[in-house]
Amino acid sequence: MPFIQWLKHHARQLKQQTLVVYFAARDPQMPLLLKLLALFIAAYALSPIDLIPDFIPVLGYLDDLILLPLGIALVLRFTPIHVLQRARDKATETEKQPSSRLMAAFVIGVWLLLAALMFGYGYRLWSTRQ
């Protein structure tokens, strides 16, 4: 299998597993701590903002290539079987549906709003100390 096809295959699998983690986190029978971890990992995977920016050589892709798959594997390993099966079924159904650009714009808008609020709070703290 050529490298590009291998890469596309694994990217699709990572997307599928991210959806499984997301749907598992929303299941009411998921243990609370595992649910919180799954929500964090799914939000991080779907977020346009990275912990380590991609423009930093080598380290920029470390979270995408190593940390994210490890987090997904950890959640999948400890998720109860019945919850995991329901989440896989929902993820398969979701992948068959068309994607939503409106939802992508909403997520980006929320991140920008949070960044603006953090900037405003930081600026207010900085200006009161001057």
C-alpha atoms as a PDB file:
ATOM      1  CA  MET A   1       0.000   0.000   0.000  1.00  0.00           C
ATOM      2  CA  PRO A   2       1.519   3.359  -1.004  1.00  0.00           C
ATOM      3  CA  PHE A   3       2.226   5.807   1.804  1.00  0.00           C
ATOM      4  CA  ILE A   4      -0.490   8.314   0.806  1.00  0.00           C
ATOM      5  CA  GLN A   5      -3.205   5.635   0.821  1.00  0.00           C
ATOM      6  CA  TRP A   6      -1.933   4.320   4.155  1.00  0.00           C
ATOM      7  CA  LEU A   7      -2.045   7.837   5.581  1.00  0.00           C
ATOM      8  CA  LYS A   8      -5.599   8.450   4.303  1.00  0.00           C
ATOM      9  CA  HIS A   9      -6.740   5.134   5.750  1.00  0.00           C
ATOM     10  CA  HIS A  10      -5.354   5.935   9.195  1.00  0.00           C
ATOM     11  CA  ALA A  11      -6.754   9.477   9.077  1.00  0.00           C
ATOM     12  CA  ARG A  12     -10.231   8.040   8.386  1.00  0.00           C
ATOM     13  CA  GLN A  13      -9.816   5.586  11.260  1.00  0.00           C
ATOM     14  CA  LEU A  14      -8.776   8.400  13.614  1.00  0.00           C
ATOM     15  CA  LYS A  15     -11.854  10.400  12.590  1.00  0.00           C
ATOM     16  CA  GLN A  16     -14.082   7.354  13.155  1.00  0.00           C
ATOM     17  CA  GLN A  17     -12.549   6.693  16.588  1.00  0.00           C
ATOM     18  CA  THR A  18     -12.924  10.352  17.554  1.00  0.00           C
ATOM     19  CA  LEU A  19     -16.635  10.119  16.781  1.00  0.00           C
ATOM     20  CA  VAL A  20     -16.878   6.905  18.814  1.00  0.00           C
ATOM     21  CA  VAL A  21     -15.232   8.652  21.788  1.00  0.00           C
ATOM     22  CA  TYR A  22     -17.594  11.619  21.416  1.00  0.00           C
ATOM     23  CA  PHE A  23     -20.717   9.459  21.325  1.00  0.00           C
ATOM     24  CA  ALA A  24     -19.460   7.304  24.200  1.00  0.00           C
ATOM     25  CA  ALA A  25     -18.947  10.450  26.286  1.00  0.00           C
ATOM     26  CA  ARG A  26     -22.571  11.418  25.709  1.00  0.00           C
ATOM     27  CA  ASP A  27     -23.879   8.029  26.862  1.00  0.00           C
ATOM     28  CA  PRO A  28     -25.555   8.203  30.311  1.00  0.00           C
ATOM     29  CA  GLN A  29     -24.027   4.836  31.323  1.00  0.00           C
ATOM     30  CA  MET A  30     -20.460   6.071  30.837  1.00  0.00           C
ATOM     31  CA  PRO A  31     -18.522   6.445  34.150  1.00  0.00           C
ATOM     32  CA  LEU A  32     -18.124  10.121  35.107  1.00  0.00           C
ATOM     33  CA  LEU A  33     -14.306  10.412  35.081  1.00  0.00           C
ATOM     34  CA  LEU A  34     -14.072   8.519  31.817  1.00  0.00           C
ATOM     35  CA  LYS A  35     -16.846  10.708  30.401  1.00  0.00           C
ATOM     36  CA  LEU A  36     -14.908  13.866  31.287  1.00  0.00           C
ATOM     37  CA  LEU A  37     -11.722  12.485  29.734  1.00  0.00           C
ATOM     38  CA  ALA A  38     -13.614  11.430  26.599  1.00  0.00           C
ATOM     39  CA  LEU A  39     -15.236  14.860  26.259  1.00  0.00           C
ATOM     40  CA  PHE A  40     -11.850  16.560  26.620  1.00  0.00           C
ATOM     41  CA  ILE A  41     -10.236  14.297  24.016  1.00  0.00           C
ATOM     42  CA  ALA A  42     -13.125  14.647  21.550  1.00  0.00           C
ATOM     43  CA  ALA A  43     -13.196  18.436  21.961  1.00  0.00           C
ATOM     44  CA  TYR A  44      -9.435  18.630  21.508  1.00  0.00           C
ATOM     45  CA  ALA A  45      -9.520  16.381  18.446  1.00  0.00           C
ATOM     46  CA  LEU A  46     -12.301  18.392  16.803  1.00  0.00           C
ATOM     47  CA  SER A  47     -10.933  21.787  17.830  1.00  0.00           C
ATOM     48  CA  PRO A  48      -9.007  23.924  15.365  1.00  0.00           C
ATOM     49  CA  ILE A  49      -6.695  25.006  18.206  1.00  0.00           C
ATOM     50  CA  ASP A  50      -3.817  22.711  19.242  1.00  0.00           C
ATOM     51  CA  LEU A  51      -1.983  22.460  22.543  1.00  0.00           C
ATOM     52  CA  ILE A  52       1.280  22.599  20.605  1.00  0.00           C
ATOM     53  CA  PRO A  53       0.907  24.751  17.434  1.00  0.00           C
ATOM     54  CA  ASP A  54       1.622  22.839  14.216  1.00  0.00           C
ATOM     55  CA  PHE A  55       4.131  25.404  12.948  1.00  0.00           C
ATOM     56  CA  ILE A  56       6.642  24.348  15.643  1.00  0.00           C
ATOM     57  CA  PRO A  57       8.949  21.838  13.919  1.00  0.00           C
ATOM     58  CA  VAL A  58       8.478  18.199  14.993  1.00  0.00           C
ATOM     59  CA  LEU A  59       6.756  19.048  18.303  1.00  0.00           C
ATOM     60  CA  GLY A  60       3.842  20.678  16.470  1.00  0.00           C
ATOM     61  CA  TYR A  61       2.618  17.348  15.163  1.00  0.00           C
ATOM     62  CA  LEU A  62       3.473  15.400  18.319  1.00  0.00           C
ATOM     63  CA  ASP A  63       0.019  15.903  19.831  1.00  0.00           C
ATOM     64  CA  ASP A  64      -1.738  14.963  16.582  1.00  0.00           C
ATOM     65  CA  LEU A  65       0.361  11.887  15.878  1.00  0.00           C
ATOM     66  CA  ILE A  66       1.001  10.496  19.369  1.00  0.00           C
ATOM     67  CA  LEU A  67      -0.953  12.136  22.193  1.00  0.00           C
ATOM     68  CA  LEU A  68      -4.357  12.183  20.512  1.00  0.00           C
ATOM     69  CA  PRO A  69      -4.316   8.507  19.413  1.00  0.00           C
ATOM     70  CA  LEU A  70      -3.062   7.504  22.870  1.00  0.00           C
ATOM     71  CA  GLY A  71      -5.896   9.424  24.527  1.00  0.00           C
ATOM     72  CA  ILE A  72      -8.457   7.859  22.201  1.00  0.00           C
ATOM     73  CA  ALA A  73      -7.017   4.379  22.838  1.00  0.00           C
ATOM     74  CA  LEU A  74      -7.157   4.978  26.603  1.00  0.00           C
ATOM     75  CA  VAL A  75     -10.834   5.970  26.491  1.00  0.00           C
ATOM     76  CA  LEU A  76     -11.745   3.081  24.185  1.00  0.00           C
ATOM     77  CA  ARG A  77      -9.887   0.615  26.415  1.00  0.00           C
ATOM     78  CA  PHE A  78     -11.840   1.520  29.558  1.00  0.00           C
ATOM     79  CA  THR A  79     -15.266   2.192  28.015  1.00  0.00           C
ATOM     80  CA  PRO A  80     -17.850  -0.491  28.845  1.00  0.00           C
ATOM     81  CA  ILE A  81     -18.534  -2.826  25.890  1.00  0.00           C
ATOM     82  CA  HIS A  82     -22.255  -2.005  25.581  1.00  0.00           C
ATOM     83  CA  VAL A  83     -21.542   1.744  25.586  1.00  0.00           C
ATOM     84  CA  LEU A  84     -18.779   1.268  23.032  1.00  0.00           C
ATOM     85  CA  GLN A  85     -21.034  -0.698  20.684  1.00  0.00           C
ATOM     86  CA  ARG A  86     -23.779   1.959  20.796  1.00  0.00           C
ATOM     87  CA  ALA A  87     -21.179   4.674  20.183  1.00  0.00           C
ATOM     88  CA  ARG A  88     -19.726   2.776  17.211  1.00  0.00           C
ATOM     89  CA  ASP A  89     -23.202   2.366  15.716  1.00  0.00           C
ATOM     90  CA  LYS A  90     -23.917   6.104  16.072  1.00  0.00           C
ATOM     91  CA  ALA A  91     -20.504   7.002  14.609  1.00  0.00           C
ATOM     92  CA  THR A  92     -21.157   4.790  11.578  1.00  0.00           C
ATOM     93  CA  GLU A  93     -24.556   6.439  11.038  1.00  0.00           C
ATOM     94  CA  THR A  94     -23.051   9.914  11.415  1.00  0.00           C
ATOM     95  CA  GLU A  95     -20.290   9.285   8.887  1.00  0.00           C
ATOM     96  CA  LYS A  96     -22.928   8.481   6.271  1.00  0.00           C
ATOM     97  CA  GLN A  97     -24.559  11.896   6.737  1.00  0.00           C
ATOM     98  CA  PRO A  98     -23.255  15.039   4.980  1.00  0.00           C
ATOM     99  CA  SER A  99     -20.976  17.328   7.022  1.00  0.00           C
ATOM    100  CA  SER A 100     -22.144  20.696   8.319  1.00  0.00           C
ATOM    101  CA  ARG A 101     -20.177  23.841   7.541  1.00  0.00           C
ATOM    102  CA  LEU A 102     -22.517  25.759   9.831  1.00  0.00           C
ATOM    103  CA  MET A 103     -21.463  23.648  12.813  1.00  0.00           C
ATOM    104  CA  ALA A 104     -17.792  24.142  11.921  1.00  0.00           C
ATOM    105  CA  ALA A 105     -18.357  27.913  11.847  1.00  0.00           C
ATOM    106  CA  PHE A 106     -20.117  27.676  15.221  1.00  0.00           C
ATOM    107  CA  VAL A 107     -17.199  25.800  16.832  1.00  0.00           C
ATOM    108  CA  ILE A 108     -14.681  28.289  15.453  1.00  0.00           C
ATOM    109  CA  GLY A 109     -16.876  31.138  16.680  1.00  0.00           C
ATOM    110  CA  VAL A 110     -17.002  29.678  20.190  1.00  0.00           C
ATOM    111  CA  TRP A 111     -13.197  29.311  20.265  1.00  0.00           C
ATOM    112  CA  LEU A 112     -12.755  32.896  19.046  1.00  0.00           C
ATOM    113  CA  LEU A 113     -15.205  34.156  21.667  1.00  0.00           C
ATOM    114  CA  LEU A 114     -13.344  32.288  24.410  1.00  0.00           C
ATOM    115  CA  ALA A 115     -10.011  33.663  23.157  1.00  0.00           C
ATOM    116  CA  ALA A 116     -11.428  37.201  23.133  1.00  0.00           C
ATOM    117  CA  LEU A 117     -12.777  36.809  26.670  1.00  0.00           C
ATOM    118  CA  MET A 118      -9.430  35.483  27.902  1.00  0.00           C
ATOM    119  CA  PHE A 119      -7.600  38.332  26.168  1.00  0.00           C
ATOM    120  CA  GLY A 120      -9.972  40.904  27.675  1.00  0.00           C
ATOM    121  CA  TYR A 121      -9.557  39.431  31.145  1.00  0.00           C
ATOM    122  CA  GLY A 122      -5.773  39.357  30.785  1.00  0.00           C
ATOM    123  CA  TYR A 123      -5.702  42.922  29.517  1.00  0.00           C
ATOM    124  CA  ARG A 124      -7.853  44.084  32.433  1.00  0.00           C
ATOM    125  CA  LEU A 125      -5.510  42.375  34.902  1.00  0.00           C
ATOM    126  CA  TRP A 126      -2.460  43.840  33.204  1.00  0.00           C
ATOM    127  CA  SER A 127      -3.880  47.398  33.049  1.00  0.00           C
ATOM    128  CA  THR A 128      -4.844  47.430  36.754  1.00  0.00           C
ATOM    129  CA  ARG A 129      -1.299  46.503  37.788  1.00  0.00           C
ATOM    130  CA  GLN A 130       0.219  49.414  35.886  1.00  0.00           C
END
